[in-house]
């Protein structure tokens, strides 16, 4: 069964910074917009940056495979080639990684490439890839 696109709305403190990051650095095409929100095509899914001045995005973290993973966070699972290209693009743009691109759970079920970074409003993003997509829900 094909996956349906998801929709996610998240707070930002500055729409122009969101547009520059999500549209420019991340390469997500812009959809509709208004004075206080912008739609982006996030790899076929709809994310919406909503202007919410003064809102903090950081609630804490959890330990996962030796790293402190920011919570909440969101992201997408890419092909390994697309994940590598994005890691290179983010590095070239000077994006600071919360957790640098690396392979998590190496040699274990669920082995995956992962990286964490934040948008200009502090929203945590995790981008993943699997050499074997069948490992997505491996136990």
Protein backbone atom coordinates (compact mmCIF):
# COMPACT_ATOMS: atom_id res chain seq x y z
CA UNK A 1 0.00 0.00 0.00
CA UNK A 2 1.51 3.37 -0.96
CA UNK A 3 2.11 5.83 1.85
CA UNK A 4 -0.11 8.88 2.10
CA UNK A 5 1.58 12.26 2.45
CA UNK A 6 1.63 13.54 6.01
CA UNK A 7 0.92 17.08 7.18
CA UNK A 8 2.87 18.76 9.97
CA UNK A 9 2.49 22.31 11.28
CA UNK A 10 5.28 23.72 13.46
CA UNK A 11 6.10 27.07 15.10
CA UNK A 12 8.67 29.53 13.79
CA UNK A 13 9.67 32.94 15.13
CA UNK A 14 10.57 34.48 11.74
CA UNK A 15 8.89 33.61 8.42
CA UNK A 16 11.68 35.05 6.26
CA UNK A 17 14.28 32.95 8.11
CA UNK A 18 11.99 29.91 7.71
CA UNK A 19 11.62 30.61 3.97
CA UNK A 20 15.41 30.96 3.56
CA UNK A 21 16.10 27.74 5.49
CA UNK A 22 13.30 25.44 4.32
CA UNK A 23 13.11 26.77 0.77
CA UNK A 24 16.75 27.72 0.22
CA UNK A 25 19.00 25.43 2.26
CA UNK A 26 16.68 22.39 2.48
CA UNK A 27 15.45 22.84 -1.12
CA UNK A 28 11.77 22.38 -0.24
CA UNK A 29 9.53 24.06 -2.84
CA UNK A 30 7.18 26.65 -1.38
CA UNK A 31 3.43 26.19 -1.73
CA UNK A 32 0.74 28.53 -0.50
CA UNK A 33 1.44 31.20 2.08
CA UNK A 34 -0.19 33.99 4.05
CA UNK A 35 1.00 36.69 6.42
CA UNK A 36 1.58 34.18 9.23
CA UNK A 37 2.31 30.79 7.59
CA UNK A 38 4.11 29.11 4.67
CA UNK A 39 3.50 25.64 3.15
CA UNK A 40 6.53 23.65 1.98
CA UNK A 41 6.80 20.45 -0.05
CA UNK A 42 8.96 18.33 2.28
CA UNK A 43 9.90 15.43 0.00
CA UNK A 44 6.27 14.96 -1.05
CA UNK A 45 4.79 15.79 2.35
CA UNK A 46 3.21 19.05 3.50
CA UNK A 47 4.87 20.95 6.31
CA UNK A 48 3.65 24.36 7.39
CA UNK A 49 5.75 26.95 9.20
CA UNK A 50 3.40 29.00 11.41
CA UNK A 51 4.53 32.30 12.87
CA UNK A 52 4.37 32.02 16.68
CA UNK A 53 6.62 34.72 18.17
CA UNK A 54 8.31 33.79 21.44
CA UNK A 55 7.56 30.05 21.19
CA UNK A 56 10.42 27.72 22.17
CA UNK A 57 10.74 24.48 20.22
CA UNK A 58 13.03 22.63 22.63
CA UNK A 59 11.46 20.40 25.30
CA UNK A 60 14.42 18.15 26.17
CA UNK A 61 16.16 15.02 24.97
CA UNK A 62 16.55 11.26 25.28
CA UNK A 63 19.67 9.09 25.06
CA UNK A 64 19.75 6.98 21.87
CA UNK A 65 22.81 4.97 20.84
CA UNK A 66 25.15 7.25 22.80
CA UNK A 67 23.69 10.59 21.69
CA UNK A 68 21.27 13.02 23.34
CA UNK A 69 18.42 13.11 20.81
CA UNK A 70 16.37 16.33 20.91
CA UNK A 71 12.65 15.95 21.64
CA UNK A 72 10.43 16.85 19.92
CA UNK A 73 11.84 16.41 16.43
CA UNK A 74 10.60 15.46 12.97
CA UNK A 75 12.11 14.42 9.67
CA UNK A 76 11.89 12.09 6.73
CA UNK A 77 13.54 8.89 5.57
CA UNK A 78 15.47 9.40 2.35
CA UNK A 79 17.37 7.10 0.03
CA UNK A 80 21.00 6.76 1.11
CA UNK A 81 22.16 8.75 -1.94
CA UNK A 82 19.72 11.60 -1.20
CA UNK A 83 20.70 11.55 2.49
CA UNK A 84 24.39 11.91 1.59
CA UNK A 85 23.63 14.76 -0.84
CA UNK A 86 21.60 16.56 1.84
CA UNK A 87 24.36 16.08 4.44
CA UNK A 88 26.83 17.60 1.97
CA UNK A 89 24.47 20.51 1.17
CA UNK A 90 23.86 21.27 4.86
CA UNK A 91 27.59 21.09 5.61
CA UNK A 92 28.40 23.42 2.70
CA UNK A 93 25.72 25.87 3.95
CA UNK A 94 27.34 25.94 7.39
CA UNK A 95 24.39 24.36 9.21
CA UNK A 96 25.40 23.35 12.75
CA UNK A 97 24.59 19.72 13.49
CA UNK A 98 23.17 18.75 16.88
CA UNK A 99 24.27 15.21 15.99
CA UNK A 100 26.61 14.99 13.00
CA UNK A 101 25.78 12.67 10.09
CA UNK A 102 26.73 9.12 11.06
CA UNK A 103 25.58 5.48 11.05
CA UNK A 104 23.51 4.54 14.11
CA UNK A 105 23.07 0.96 15.39
CA UNK A 106 25.98 -0.18 13.17
CA UNK A 107 25.80 -3.94 12.57
CA UNK A 108 22.53 -4.23 14.51
CA UNK A 109 18.89 -4.51 13.45
CA UNK A 110 17.68 -1.12 12.30
CA UNK A 111 21.11 0.15 11.19
CA UNK A 112 20.55 3.62 9.76
CA UNK A 113 22.20 6.82 8.68
CA UNK A 114 21.04 9.79 10.75
CA UNK A 115 21.74 13.46 11.37
CA UNK A 116 20.12 16.08 13.59
CA UNK A 117 20.09 19.84 13.11
CA UNK A 118 17.78 22.76 13.87
CA UNK A 119 15.98 25.29 11.74
CA UNK A 120 16.40 29.02 12.55
CA UNK A 121 13.52 28.80 15.09
CA UNK A 122 15.15 25.92 16.96
CA UNK A 123 12.92 23.13 15.63
CA UNK A 124 14.88 19.87 15.70
CA UNK A 125 15.01 17.88 12.47
CA UNK A 126 16.25 14.32 12.00
CA UNK A 127 16.96 13.03 8.52
CA UNK A 128 17.44 9.27 8.12
CA UNK A 129 18.33 6.69 5.50
CA UNK A 130 18.63 2.92 5.41
CA UNK A 131 20.87 0.89 3.10
CA UNK A 132 18.16 -1.77 3.50
CA UNK A 133 14.71 -0.14 3.71
CA UNK A 134 13.43 -3.41 5.20
CA UNK A 135 15.25 -2.44 8.41
CA UNK A 136 12.89 0.46 9.11
CA UNK A 137 10.96 -1.44 11.80
CA UNK A 138 13.54 -4.15 12.53
CA UNK A 139 13.69 -5.38 16.13
